[in-house]
Amino acid sequence: MEGWVVVFSCDNLFRAELARQHLSNDGIEAIVVNKKDSFYVTIGDVEVYVASEDAEAATDLLKDF
């Protein structure tokens, strides 16, 4: 995903979606990528990506999330 950077990572899809919505409410486009294993759901993370130009603002918004 060229031009996109990870700004949030966790093991819970619901929490990642909340982070994505929090960014969206502030006008930052974000996407959630689920990298969890489909069979062993305890393996892997869910990551929130934003465009590289929004990374600093997104990181600031999510620092206490």
Protein backbone atom coordinates (compact mmCIF):
# COMPACT_ATOMS: atom_id res chain seq x y z
CA MET A 1 0.00 0.00 0.00
CA GLU A 2 2.20 2.73 -1.29
CA GLY A 3 1.56 6.14 0.25
CA TRP A 4 -0.23 4.72 3.30
CA VAL A 5 1.21 4.24 6.79
CA VAL A 6 0.08 2.36 9.90
CA VAL A 7 -0.99 4.73 12.66
CA PHE A 8 -2.75 2.25 14.95
CA SER A 9 -2.49 -1.48 15.55
CA CYS A 10 -4.31 -3.75 17.99
CA ASP A 11 -5.69 -7.26 18.29
CA ASN A 12 -9.36 -6.24 18.30
CA LEU A 13 -11.30 -5.45 15.11
CA PHE A 14 -13.96 -3.45 16.96
CA ARG A 15 -11.33 -1.20 18.59
CA ALA A 16 -9.61 -0.65 15.23
CA GLU A 17 -12.95 0.34 13.67
CA LEU A 18 -13.52 2.81 16.51
CA ALA A 19 -10.10 4.33 15.80
CA ARG A 20 -10.94 4.56 12.09
CA GLN A 21 -14.24 6.30 12.90
CA HIS A 22 -12.48 8.70 15.29
CA LEU A 23 -10.13 9.70 12.46
CA SER A 24 -13.01 9.96 10.00
CA ASN A 25 -14.87 12.32 12.35
CA ASP A 26 -11.86 14.64 12.10
CA GLY A 27 -11.75 14.46 8.31
CA ILE A 28 -8.91 11.95 7.99
CA GLU A 29 -9.56 9.08 5.59
CA ALA A 30 -8.48 5.78 7.12
CA ILE A 31 -8.80 2.11 6.29
CA VAL A 32 -8.70 -0.97 8.48
CA VAL A 33 -6.68 -3.99 7.40
CA ASN A 34 -7.36 -7.21 9.29
CA LYS A 35 -4.15 -9.27 9.37
CA LYS A 36 -5.49 -11.85 11.79
CA ASP A 37 -5.17 -15.48 10.82
CA SER A 38 -8.58 -16.84 9.81
CA PHE A 39 -8.06 -20.14 11.65
CA TYR A 40 -5.97 -19.05 14.64
CA VAL A 41 -7.70 -15.78 15.48
CA THR A 42 -5.27 -15.06 18.31
CA ILE A 43 -2.45 -14.63 15.76
CA GLY A 44 -2.05 -11.32 13.99
CA ASP A 45 -3.20 -7.74 14.37
CA VAL A 46 -5.71 -5.34 12.93
CA GLU A 47 -4.08 -2.20 11.54
CA VAL A 48 -5.41 1.26 10.73
CA TYR A 49 -3.77 2.99 7.77
CA VAL A 50 -3.89 6.63 6.68
CA ALA A 51 -2.32 8.54 3.80
CA SER A 52 1.26 9.47 4.60
CA GLU A 53 0.46 13.20 4.57
CA ASP A 54 -2.15 12.64 7.35
CA ALA A 55 0.07 10.42 9.50
CA GLU A 56 1.22 13.06 11.97
CA ALA A 57 -2.28 14.43 12.60
CA ALA A 58 -3.70 10.91 12.89
CA THR A 59 -1.01 9.88 15.36
CA ASP A 60 -1.77 12.92 17.48
CA LEU A 61 -5.50 12.13 17.48
CA LEU A 62 -4.92 8.50 18.45
CA LYS A 63 -2.15 8.93 21.03
CA ASP A 64 -4.59 8.51 23.96
CA PHE A 65 -6.94 6.13 22.19
